[in-house]
Amino acid sequence: MKTGYDDEFRAFVRERRAGLLGTATLLTAGDHHLAEDLTQTALTALYVKWPAFRLAQHKNSYARRCLVNAFIDEKRRPWQRRERVTDEIPEHLVLSTLMPIDQGEPNQRTEALYTGLRALPVRMRAVLVLRYFQELSVEETAEAMNCSTGTVKSQSKRAIDKLRERMSPQFAVQGSHGAHDA
């Protein structure tokens, strides 16, 4: 790859990495380590495809699609996960590794949201994150997920319903923000 491409890629990473990492953290329901891995995987894919990426009209959509593909691929390959089963429970959970939605200290609402997101199937979780946390349109979400707008709408509705069921009543999502346009 030419040096000019490397400089452009570095500038892109400086500008967009934090946003991609935030999206990856939501996709992984707060698993900061996996979010880092997914972000790196997406950035590696972009680096390899950089000449084509430079010509893309919607660079953010292209990058988001790489991230969503990395997330879905990761969840399809359970044998590649780095988790190890042990008989011991960690003495403490390091909550500082979680990146809450509001970027502040982890709180009960954020933890309840992550727990609810973890319980959703992978594609439903991705639709929710893209539609309601990244505020993409139905069409943009369909493009990022490589599916139809009808699939986005039905997955959004089901995901919101399941998330509401799983979250305790005191942390339930208020109203139906976006549910009618889903």
N, C-alpha and C. Protein backbone atom coordinates (compact mmCIF):
# COMPACT_ATOMS: atom_id res chain seq x y z
N MET A 1 0.85 -1.18 0.00
CA MET A 1 0.00 0.00 0.00
C MET A 1 0.89 1.23 0.00
N LYS A 2 0.47 2.25 -0.73
CA LYS A 2 1.27 3.46 -0.85
C LYS A 2 1.23 4.27 0.44
N THR A 3 2.29 5.04 0.65
CA THR A 3 2.40 5.86 1.85
C THR A 3 1.24 6.83 1.98
N GLY A 4 0.80 7.42 0.88
CA GLY A 4 -0.35 8.33 0.93
C GLY A 4 -1.58 7.65 1.47
N TYR A 5 -1.79 6.39 1.09
CA TYR A 5 -2.92 5.62 1.60
C TYR A 5 -2.77 5.41 3.11
N ASP A 6 -1.56 5.12 3.52
CA ASP A 6 -1.34 4.91 4.96
C ASP A 6 -1.68 6.17 5.75
N ASP A 7 -1.27 7.31 5.25
CA ASP A 7 -1.58 8.57 5.94
C ASP A 7 -3.08 8.82 5.98
N GLU A 8 -3.76 8.57 4.87
CA GLU A 8 -5.22 8.73 4.83
C GLU A 8 -5.89 7.77 5.81
N PHE A 9 -5.41 6.54 5.85
CA PHE A 9 -6.00 5.55 6.74
C PHE A 9 -5.79 5.96 8.20
N ARG A 10 -4.60 6.40 8.55
CA ARG A 10 -4.34 6.85 9.92
C ARG A 10 -5.27 8.00 10.30
N ALA A 11 -5.46 8.94 9.39
CA ALA A 11 -6.36 10.07 9.66
C ALA A 11 -7.79 9.57 9.87
N PHE A 12 -8.21 8.63 9.04
CA PHE A 12 -9.56 8.05 9.20
C PHE A 12 -9.70 7.39 10.56
N VAL A 13 -8.70 6.61 10.96
CA VAL A 13 -8.75 5.92 12.24
C VAL A 13 -8.82 6.92 13.39
N ARG A 14 -8.01 7.97 13.32
CA ARG A 14 -8.05 8.99 14.39
C ARG A 14 -9.44 9.63 14.48
N GLU A 15 -10.07 9.84 13.33
CA GLU A 15 -11.38 10.51 13.31
C GLU A 15 -12.53 9.59 13.69
N ARG A 16 -12.51 8.33 13.29
CA ARG A 16 -13.69 7.45 13.40
C ARG A 16 -13.57 6.31 14.39
N ARG A 17 -12.39 6.03 14.91
CA ARG A 17 -12.22 4.87 15.78
C ARG A 17 -13.11 4.92 17.02
N ALA A 18 -13.17 6.06 17.67
CA ALA A 18 -13.97 6.18 18.90
C ALA A 18 -15.45 5.89 18.61
N GLY A 19 -15.96 6.40 17.51
CA GLY A 19 -17.35 6.14 17.16
C GLY A 19 -17.60 4.67 16.86
N LEU A 20 -16.68 4.05 16.13
CA LEU A 20 -16.81 2.62 15.85
C LEU A 20 -16.74 1.80 17.13
N LEU A 21 -15.84 2.19 18.02
CA LEU A 21 -15.71 1.47 19.30
C LEU A 21 -16.98 1.62 20.13
N GLY A 22 -17.58 2.80 20.14
CA GLY A 22 -18.83 2.99 20.87
C GLY A 22 -19.95 2.11 20.31
N THR A 23 -20.03 2.03 18.99
CA THR A 23 -21.04 1.16 18.37
C THR A 23 -20.74 -0.30 18.70
N ALA A 24 -19.48 -0.68 18.63
CA ALA A 24 -19.09 -2.06 18.94
C ALA A 24 -19.40 -2.40 20.40
N THR A 25 -19.23 -1.46 21.29
CA THR A 25 -19.53 -1.69 22.71
C THR A 25 -21.01 -1.95 22.90
N LEU A 26 -21.84 -1.21 22.20
CA LEU A 26 -23.28 -1.46 22.26
C LEU A 26 -23.62 -2.81 21.64
N LEU A 27 -23.02 -3.12 20.49
CA LEU A 27 -23.29 -4.41 19.84
C LEU A 27 -22.93 -5.58 20.74
N THR A 28 -21.87 -5.43 21.51
CA THR A 28 -21.42 -6.51 22.39
C THR A 28 -22.04 -6.41 23.78
N ALA A 29 -22.98 -5.50 23.94
CA ALA A 29 -23.68 -5.30 25.22
C ALA A 29 -22.71 -5.06 26.36
N GLY A 30 -21.73 -4.20 26.11
CA GLY A 30 -20.82 -3.78 27.17
C GLY A 30 -19.55 -4.60 27.31
N ASP A 31 -19.29 -5.55 26.44
CA ASP A 31 -18.05 -6.33 26.50
C ASP A 31 -16.95 -5.51 25.81
N HIS A 32 -16.25 -4.71 26.61
CA HIS A 32 -15.28 -3.77 26.07
C HIS A 32 -14.15 -4.48 25.32
N HIS A 33 -13.71 -5.62 25.81
CA HIS A 33 -12.61 -6.33 25.16
C HIS A 33 -13.03 -6.85 23.78
N LEU A 34 -14.21 -7.44 23.70
CA LEU A 34 -14.71 -7.90 22.42
C LEU A 34 -14.97 -6.72 21.49
N ALA A 35 -15.46 -5.61 22.04
CA ALA A 35 -15.68 -4.41 21.23
C ALA A 35 -14.37 -3.92 20.61
N GLU A 36 -13.31 -3.94 21.40
CA GLU A 36 -11.98 -3.56 20.87
C GLU A 36 -11.58 -4.49 19.74
N ASP A 37 -11.78 -5.79 19.94
CA ASP A 37 -11.43 -6.77 18.90
C ASP A 37 -12.23 -6.54 17.62
N LEU A 38 -13.54 -6.30 17.77
CA LEU A 38 -14.39 -6.07 16.60
C LEU A 38 -13.99 -4.80 15.86
N THR A 39 -13.68 -3.76 16.62
CA THR A 39 -13.25 -2.51 16.00
C THR A 39 -11.96 -2.73 15.22
N GLN A 40 -11.02 -3.45 15.82
CA GLN A 40 -9.77 -3.73 15.13
C GLN A 40 -10.00 -4.58 13.88
N THR A 41 -10.88 -5.56 13.97
CA THR A 41 -11.20 -6.40 12.81
C THR A 41 -11.79 -5.56 11.68
N ALA A 42 -12.71 -4.67 12.04
CA ALA A 42 -13.33 -3.80 11.03
C ALA A 42 -12.29 -2.86 10.41
N LEU A 43 -11.43 -2.29 11.23
CA LEU A 43 -10.40 -1.40 10.70
C LEU A 43 -9.40 -2.14 9.82
N THR A 44 -9.09 -3.37 10.17
CA THR A 44 -8.21 -4.19 9.34
C THR A 44 -8.85 -4.45 7.98
N ALA A 45 -10.14 -4.78 8.00
CA ALA A 45 -10.86 -5.01 6.74
C ALA A 45 -10.85 -3.73 5.89
N LEU A 46 -11.04 -2.59 6.52
CA LEU A 46 -11.02 -1.33 5.79
C LEU A 46 -9.63 -1.04 5.22
N TYR A 47 -8.60 -1.35 5.96
CA TYR A 47 -7.23 -1.12 5.48
C TYR A 47 -6.96 -1.96 4.23
N VAL A 48 -7.39 -3.22 4.28
CA VAL A 48 -7.19 -4.11 3.14
C VAL A 48 -7.96 -3.60 1.92
N LYS A 49 -9.14 -3.06 2.16
CA LYS A 49 -10.01 -2.58 1.08
C LYS A 49 -9.87 -1.07 0.84
N TRP A 50 -8.83 -0.47 1.37
CA TRP A 50 -8.72 0.99 1.34
C TRP A 50 -8.87 1.61 -0.05
N PRO A 51 -8.24 1.08 -1.09
CA PRO A 51 -8.43 1.72 -2.41
C PRO A 51 -9.92 1.78 -2.82
N ALA A 52 -10.66 0.72 -2.57
CA ALA A 52 -12.10 0.72 -2.89
C ALA A 52 -12.85 1.62 -1.90
N PHE A 53 -12.47 1.59 -0.65
CA PHE A 53 -13.13 2.39 0.38
C PHE A 53 -13.02 3.88 0.05
N ARG A 54 -11.86 4.30 -0.44
CA ARG A 54 -11.64 5.72 -0.77
C ARG A 54 -12.65 6.21 -1.80
N LEU A 55 -13.13 5.31 -2.66
CA LEU A 55 -14.07 5.68 -3.72
C LEU A 55 -15.53 5.60 -3.28
N ALA A 56 -15.77 5.02 -2.12
CA ALA A 56 -17.15 4.84 -1.64
C ALA A 56 -17.80 6.20 -1.38
N GLN A 57 -19.07 6.31 -1.75
CA GLN A 57 -19.79 7.56 -1.52
C GLN A 57 -20.17 7.73 -0.05
N HIS A 58 -20.50 6.64 0.60
CA HIS A 58 -20.96 6.68 1.99
C HIS A 58 -19.96 5.95 2.88
N LYS A 59 -18.87 6.61 3.19
CA LYS A 59 -17.78 5.98 3.94
C LYS A 59 -18.21 5.51 5.33
N ASN A 60 -19.03 6.30 6.02
CA ASN A 60 -19.48 5.88 7.35
C ASN A 60 -20.32 4.62 7.28
N SER A 61 -21.19 4.53 6.26
CA SER A 61 -22.00 3.33 6.08
C SER A 61 -21.12 2.12 5.79
N TYR A 62 -20.11 2.31 4.96
CA TYR A 62 -19.18 1.24 4.60
C TYR A 62 -18.46 0.73 5.85
N ALA A 63 -17.97 1.67 6.66
CA ALA A 63 -17.26 1.30 7.89
C ALA A 63 -18.19 0.60 8.87
N ARG A 64 -19.40 1.11 9.02
CA ARG A 64 -20.38 0.50 9.92
C ARG A 64 -20.71 -0.92 9.48
N ARG A 65 -20.84 -1.11 8.18
CA ARG A 65 -21.15 -2.44 7.66
C ARG A 65 -20.02 -3.42 7.96
N CYS A 66 -18.78 -2.97 7.84
CA CYS A 66 -17.63 -3.82 8.20
C CYS A 66 -17.71 -4.23 9.67
N LEU A 67 -18.09 -3.28 10.53
CA LEU A 67 -18.20 -3.55 11.96
C LEU A 67 -19.33 -4.53 12.25
N VAL A 68 -20.49 -4.32 11.65
CA VAL A 68 -21.63 -5.22 11.87
C VAL A 68 -21.29 -6.61 11.35
N ASN A 69 -20.65 -6.70 10.19
CA ASN A 69 -20.24 -8.01 9.66
C ASN A 69 -19.28 -8.71 10.61
N ALA A 70 -18.33 -7.96 11.17
CA ALA A 70 -17.38 -8.55 12.12
C ALA A 70 -18.12 -9.08 13.35
N PHE A 71 -19.10 -8.32 13.82
CA PHE A 71 -19.89 -8.73 14.99
C PHE A 71 -20.68 -10.01 14.70
N ILE A 72 -21.38 -10.03 13.58
CA ILE A 72 -22.19 -11.20 13.23
C ILE A 72 -21.29 -12.42 13.01
N ASP A 73 -20.16 -12.22 12.33
CA ASP A 73 -19.22 -13.32 12.11
C ASP A 73 -18.70 -13.87 13.44
N GLU A 74 -18.40 -12.98 14.38
CA GLU A 74 -17.90 -13.41 15.69
C GLU A 74 -18.92 -14.27 16.41
N LYS A 75 -20.17 -13.87 16.34
CA LYS A 75 -21.22 -14.61 17.03
C LYS A 75 -21.57 -15.91 16.33
N ARG A 76 -21.24 -16.03 15.06
CA ARG A 76 -21.48 -17.28 14.33
C ARG A 76 -20.44 -18.34 14.66
N ARG A 77 -19.31 -17.92 15.19
CA ARG A 77 -18.21 -18.85 15.46
C ARG A 77 -17.95 -18.99 16.95
N PRO A 78 -18.81 -19.71 17.65
CA PRO A 78 -18.64 -19.81 19.10
C PRO A 78 -17.33 -20.50 19.50
N TRP A 79 -16.80 -21.34 18.65
CA TRP A 79 -15.56 -22.03 19.01
C TRP A 79 -14.36 -21.10 18.98
N GLN A 80 -14.49 -19.93 18.42
CA GLN A 80 -13.37 -19.00 18.36
C GLN A 80 -13.38 -17.98 19.49
N ARG A 81 -14.37 -18.01 20.30
CA ARG A 81 -14.41 -17.05 21.41
C ARG A 81 -13.27 -17.32 22.36
N ARG A 82 -12.84 -16.27 22.99
CA ARG A 82 -11.69 -16.38 23.89
C ARG A 82 -12.10 -16.71 25.33
N GLU A 83 -13.37 -16.95 25.54
CA GLU A 83 -13.84 -17.24 26.88
C GLU A 83 -13.39 -18.64 27.30
N ARG A 84 -13.07 -18.75 28.57
CA ARG A 84 -12.70 -20.05 29.11
C ARG A 84 -13.60 -20.38 30.28
N VAL A 85 -14.11 -21.59 30.29
CA VAL A 85 -14.96 -22.04 31.39
C VAL A 85 -14.05 -22.40 32.56
N THR A 86 -14.41 -21.90 33.75
CA THR A 86 -13.64 -22.22 34.95
C THR A 86 -14.62 -22.57 36.07
N ASP A 87 -14.09 -23.17 37.09
CA ASP A 87 -14.89 -23.48 38.26
C ASP A 87 -14.90 -22.33 39.25
N GLU A 88 -14.05 -21.33 39.01
CA GLU A 88 -13.92 -20.21 39.94
C GLU A 88 -14.65 -18.98 39.41
N ILE A 89 -15.31 -18.29 40.29
CA ILE A 89 -15.96 -17.04 39.95
C ILE A 89 -14.99 -15.92 40.32
N PRO A 90 -14.80 -14.94 39.44
CA PRO A 90 -13.89 -13.84 39.77
C PRO A 90 -14.32 -13.16 41.06
N GLU A 91 -13.34 -12.71 41.84
CA GLU A 91 -13.65 -12.06 43.11
C GLU A 91 -14.37 -10.74 42.90
N HIS A 92 -14.05 -10.07 41.82
CA HIS A 92 -14.73 -8.80 41.55
C HIS A 92 -14.86 -8.61 40.05
N LEU A 93 -15.87 -7.88 39.67
CA LEU A 93 -16.09 -7.55 38.27
C LEU A 93 -15.60 -6.12 38.07
N VAL A 94 -14.75 -5.92 37.12
CA VAL A 94 -14.22 -4.59 36.86
C VAL A 94 -15.21 -3.84 35.99
N LEU A 95 -16.05 -3.05 36.62
CA LEU A 95 -17.08 -2.31 35.90
C LEU A 95 -16.49 -1.20 35.05
N SER A 96 -15.27 -0.80 35.32
CA SER A 96 -14.67 0.27 34.53
C SER A 96 -14.41 -0.16 33.10
N THR A 97 -14.46 -1.46 32.81
CA THR A 97 -14.26 -1.90 31.43
C THR A 97 -15.51 -1.70 30.59
N LEU A 98 -16.64 -1.41 31.23
CA LEU A 98 -17.87 -1.16 30.49
C LEU A 98 -17.93 0.29 30.07
N MET A 99 -18.46 0.52 28.88
CA MET A 99 -18.63 1.89 28.39
C MET A 99 -20.11 2.19 28.36
N PRO A 100 -20.65 2.78 29.39
CA PRO A 100 -22.08 3.07 29.39
C PRO A 100 -22.46 4.02 28.26
N ILE A 101 -23.73 3.98 27.92
CA ILE A 101 -24.24 4.79 26.83
C ILE A 101 -23.93 6.27 27.07
N ASP A 102 -24.09 6.73 28.31
CA ASP A 102 -23.90 8.15 28.59
C ASP A 102 -22.44 8.50 28.86
N GLN A 103 -21.52 7.56 28.71
CA GLN A 103 -20.09 7.75 28.91
C GLN A 103 -19.72 8.15 30.33
N GLY A 104 -20.67 8.13 31.23
CA GLY A 104 -20.39 8.43 32.63
C GLY A 104 -20.08 7.15 33.38
N GLU A 105 -20.21 7.20 34.68
CA GLU A 105 -19.98 6.02 35.49
C GLU A 105 -21.04 4.97 35.20
N PRO A 106 -20.66 3.68 35.23
CA PRO A 106 -21.68 2.64 35.05
C PRO A 106 -22.77 2.79 36.11
N ASN A 107 -24.00 2.59 35.70
CA ASN A 107 -25.10 2.71 36.65
C ASN A 107 -26.07 1.56 36.42
N GLN A 108 -27.09 1.48 37.27
CA GLN A 108 -28.04 0.37 37.18
C GLN A 108 -28.78 0.35 35.86
N ARG A 109 -29.13 1.51 35.35
CA ARG A 109 -29.87 1.57 34.08
C ARG A 109 -29.00 1.03 32.94
N THR A 110 -27.73 1.43 32.91
CA THR A 110 -26.82 0.96 31.87
C THR A 110 -26.62 -0.55 31.99
N GLU A 111 -26.43 -1.03 33.20
CA GLU A 111 -26.25 -2.47 33.40
C GLU A 111 -27.50 -3.24 32.98
N ALA A 112 -28.68 -2.69 33.30
CA ALA A 112 -29.93 -3.35 32.90
C ALA A 112 -30.05 -3.37 31.37
N LEU A 113 -29.65 -2.29 30.73
CA LEU A 113 -29.68 -2.24 29.27
C LEU A 113 -28.74 -3.27 28.67
N TYR A 114 -27.51 -3.33 29.16
CA TYR A 114 -26.55 -4.31 28.65
C TYR A 114 -27.05 -5.74 28.87
N THR A 115 -27.64 -6.00 30.02
CA THR A 115 -28.19 -7.33 30.30
C THR A 115 -29.31 -7.65 29.31
N GLY A 116 -30.18 -6.68 29.07
CA GLY A 116 -31.25 -6.88 28.10
C GLY A 116 -30.72 -7.10 26.69
N LEU A 117 -29.71 -6.32 26.30
CA LEU A 117 -29.12 -6.48 24.97
C LEU A 117 -28.46 -7.85 24.80
N ARG A 118 -27.76 -8.29 25.85
CA ARG A 118 -27.08 -9.60 25.79
C ARG A 118 -28.07 -10.73 25.53
N ALA A 119 -29.30 -10.58 26.01
CA ALA A 119 -30.30 -11.64 25.88
C ALA A 119 -30.91 -11.69 24.47
N LEU A 120 -30.68 -10.67 23.67
CA LEU A 120 -31.26 -10.64 22.33
C LEU A 120 -30.41 -11.43 21.34
N PRO A 121 -31.06 -12.02 20.34
CA PRO A 121 -30.29 -12.64 19.25
C PRO A 121 -29.43 -11.57 18.57
N VAL A 122 -28.35 -12.01 17.98
CA VAL A 122 -27.34 -11.12 17.41
C VAL A 122 -27.91 -10.11 16.42
N ARG A 123 -28.70 -10.54 15.47
CA ARG A 123 -29.20 -9.62 14.45
C ARG A 123 -30.20 -8.62 15.05
N MET A 124 -31.01 -9.06 16.00
CA MET A 124 -31.93 -8.13 16.66
C MET A 124 -31.15 -7.06 17.41
N ARG A 125 -30.11 -7.49 18.10
CA ARG A 125 -29.28 -6.54 18.84
C ARG A 125 -28.66 -5.53 17.88
N ALA A 126 -28.15 -6.01 16.76
CA ALA A 126 -27.53 -5.11 15.77
C ALA A 126 -28.55 -4.11 15.24
N VAL A 127 -29.76 -4.56 14.94
CA VAL A 127 -30.80 -3.65 14.44
C VAL A 127 -31.10 -2.58 15.48
N LEU A 128 -31.27 -2.97 16.74
CA LEU A 128 -31.56 -1.98 17.79
C LEU A 128 -30.44 -0.96 17.92
N VAL A 129 -29.22 -1.43 17.95
CA VAL A 129 -28.08 -0.52 18.11
C VAL A 129 -28.02 0.47 16.95
N LEU A 130 -28.15 -0.04 15.74
CA LEU A 130 -28.06 0.85 14.58
C LEU A 130 -29.23 1.81 14.48
N ARG A 131 -30.44 1.32 14.72
CA ARG A 131 -31.63 2.17 14.58
C ARG A 131 -31.75 3.19 15.71
N TYR A 132 -31.61 2.76 16.95
CA TYR A 132 -31.97 3.62 18.06
C TYR A 132 -30.80 4.23 18.82
N PHE A 133 -29.63 3.64 18.75
CA PHE A 133 -28.48 4.24 19.42
C PHE A 133 -27.63 5.03 18.42
N GLN A 134 -27.53 4.52 17.19
CA GLN A 134 -26.81 5.24 16.15
C GLN A 134 -27.73 6.13 15.33
N GLU A 135 -29.04 6.01 15.57
CA GLU A 135 -30.07 6.83 14.94
C GLU A 135 -30.03 6.78 13.41
N LEU A 136 -29.82 5.56 12.88
CA LEU A 136 -29.86 5.38 11.44
C LEU A 136 -31.30 5.21 10.98
N SER A 137 -31.56 5.55 9.76
CA SER A 137 -32.89 5.33 9.19
C SER A 137 -33.07 3.84 8.94
N VAL A 138 -34.30 3.45 8.63
CA VAL A 138 -34.58 2.06 8.30
C VAL A 138 -33.72 1.65 7.09
N GLU A 139 -33.64 2.52 6.10
CA GLU A 139 -32.88 2.22 4.89
C GLU A 139 -31.38 2.08 5.18
N GLU A 140 -30.84 2.98 5.99
CA GLU A 140 -29.42 2.92 6.35
C GLU A 140 -29.11 1.65 7.15
N THR A 141 -30.02 1.29 8.03
CA THR A 141 -29.84 0.07 8.82
C THR A 141 -29.88 -1.15 7.92
N ALA A 142 -30.82 -1.17 6.98
CA ALA A 142 -30.92 -2.29 6.03
C ALA A 142 -29.63 -2.42 5.23
N GLU A 143 -29.09 -1.29 4.82
CA GLU A 143 -27.83 -1.31 4.07
C GLU A 143 -26.68 -1.86 4.93
N ALA A 144 -26.60 -1.39 6.16
CA ALA A 144 -25.53 -1.86 7.06
C ALA A 144 -25.67 -3.34 7.38
N MET A 145 -26.90 -3.83 7.44
CA MET A 145 -27.16 -5.22 7.80
C MET A 145 -27.27 -6.14 6.58
N ASN A 146 -27.26 -5.54 5.40
CA ASN A 146 -27.40 -6.29 4.16
C ASN A 146 -28.70 -7.10 4.16
N CYS A 147 -29.79 -6.39 4.45
CA CYS A 147 -31.11 -7.04 4.48
C CYS A 147 -32.15 -6.04 3.96
N SER A 148 -33.39 -6.46 3.90
CA SER A 148 -34.46 -5.60 3.40
C SER A 148 -34.94 -4.65 4.49
N THR A 149 -35.61 -3.58 4.07
CA THR A 149 -36.18 -2.65 5.04
C THR A 149 -37.28 -3.33 5.85
N GLY A 150 -38.00 -4.25 5.23
CA GLY A 150 -39.04 -4.99 5.95
C GLY A 150 -38.45 -5.81 7.10
N THR A 151 -37.28 -6.40 6.85
CA THR A 151 -36.60 -7.17 7.89
C THR A 151 -36.20 -6.25 9.04
N VAL A 152 -35.69 -5.07 8.71
CA VAL A 152 -35.30 -4.10 9.75
C VAL A 152 -36.52 -3.74 10.59
N LYS A 153 -37.63 -3.46 9.94
CA LYS A 153 -38.84 -3.06 10.67
C LYS A 153 -39.33 -4.17 11.59
N SER A 154 -39.39 -5.39 11.07
CA SER A 154 -39.90 -6.49 11.91
C SER A 154 -38.92 -6.84 13.03
N GLN A 155 -37.62 -6.82 12.73
CA GLN A 155 -36.62 -7.11 13.75
C GLN A 155 -36.62 -6.02 14.83
N SER A 156 -36.81 -4.77 14.42
CA SER A 156 -36.88 -3.67 15.39
C SER A 156 -38.03 -3.87 16.36
N LYS A 157 -39.18 -4.15 15.83
CA LYS A 157 -40.38 -4.34 16.67
C LYS A 157 -40.17 -5.50 17.64
N ARG A 158 -39.73 -6.62 17.11
CA ARG A 158 -39.51 -7.79 17.98
C ARG A 158 -38.44 -7.53 19.03
N ALA A 159 -37.36 -6.86 18.62
CA ALA A 159 -36.26 -6.59 19.55
C ALA A 159 -36.71 -5.67 20.67
N ILE A 160 -37.46 -4.64 20.34
CA ILE A 160 -37.95 -3.71 21.37
C ILE A 160 -38.87 -4.45 22.33
N ASP A 161 -39.76 -5.27 21.79
CA ASP A 161 -40.67 -6.04 22.65
C ASP A 161 -39.89 -6.96 23.58
N LYS A 162 -38.90 -7.68 23.04
CA LYS A 162 -38.10 -8.59 23.87
C LYS A 162 -37.29 -7.83 24.91
N LEU A 163 -36.72 -6.69 24.51
CA LEU A 163 -35.94 -5.90 25.45
C LEU A 163 -36.81 -5.41 26.60
N ARG A 164 -38.00 -4.96 26.29
CA ARG A 164 -38.93 -4.51 27.33
C ARG A 164 -39.29 -5.65 28.28
N GLU A 165 -39.51 -6.85 27.73
CA GLU A 165 -39.84 -8.02 28.57
C GLU A 165 -38.70 -8.34 29.53
N ARG A 166 -37.49 -8.23 29.05
CA ARG A 166 -36.33 -8.67 29.83
C ARG A 166 -35.85 -7.66 30.86
N MET A 167 -36.10 -6.39 30.60
CA MET A 167 -35.65 -5.37 31.54
C MET A 167 -36.64 -5.29 32.69
N SER A 168 -36.13 -5.12 33.87
CA SER A 168 -37.02 -5.04 35.03
C SER A 168 -37.91 -3.80 34.90
N PRO A 169 -39.10 -3.83 35.51
CA PRO A 169 -40.06 -2.73 35.36
C PRO A 169 -39.50 -1.35 35.71
N GLN A 170 -38.65 -1.26 36.72
CA GLN A 170 -38.15 0.07 37.07
C GLN A 170 -37.17 0.62 36.05
N PHE A 171 -36.65 -0.25 35.14
CA PHE A 171 -35.73 0.23 34.12
C PHE A 171 -36.31 0.11 32.72
N ALA A 172 -37.56 -0.21 32.60
CA ALA A 172 -38.19 -0.41 31.30
C ALA A 172 -38.07 0.86 30.46
N VAL A 173 -37.94 0.68 29.18
CA VAL A 173 -37.86 1.80 28.26
C VAL A 173 -39.20 2.53 28.30
N GLN A 174 -39.17 3.81 28.52
CA GLN A 174 -40.39 4.60 28.61
C GLN A 174 -40.91 4.92 27.21
N GLY A 175 -42.21 4.85 27.03
CA GLY A 175 -42.83 5.20 25.75
C GLY A 175 -42.47 4.20 24.68
N SER A 176 -42.72 4.59 23.46
CA SER A 176 -42.42 3.70 22.33
C SER A 176 -41.60 4.44 21.31
N HIS A 177 -40.56 5.14 21.77
CA HIS A 177 -39.69 5.94 20.92
C HIS A 177 -39.28 5.14 19.69
N GLY A 178 -39.76 5.56 18.56
CA GLY A 178 -39.36 4.93 17.31
C GLY A 178 -40.05 3.63 16.98
N ALA A 179 -40.83 3.07 17.89
CA ALA A 179 -41.42 1.76 17.63
C ALA A 179 -42.43 1.83 16.49
N HIS A 180 -43.11 2.96 16.35
CA HIS A 180 -44.13 3.06 15.31
C HIS A 180 -43.52 3.25 13.93
N ASP A 181 -42.31 3.85 13.86
CA ASP A 181 -41.69 4.03 12.56
C ASP A 181 -40.78 2.87 12.21
N ALA A 182 -40.70 1.89 13.10
CA ALA A 182 -39.80 0.76 12.88
C ALA A 182 -40.26 -0.14 11.81
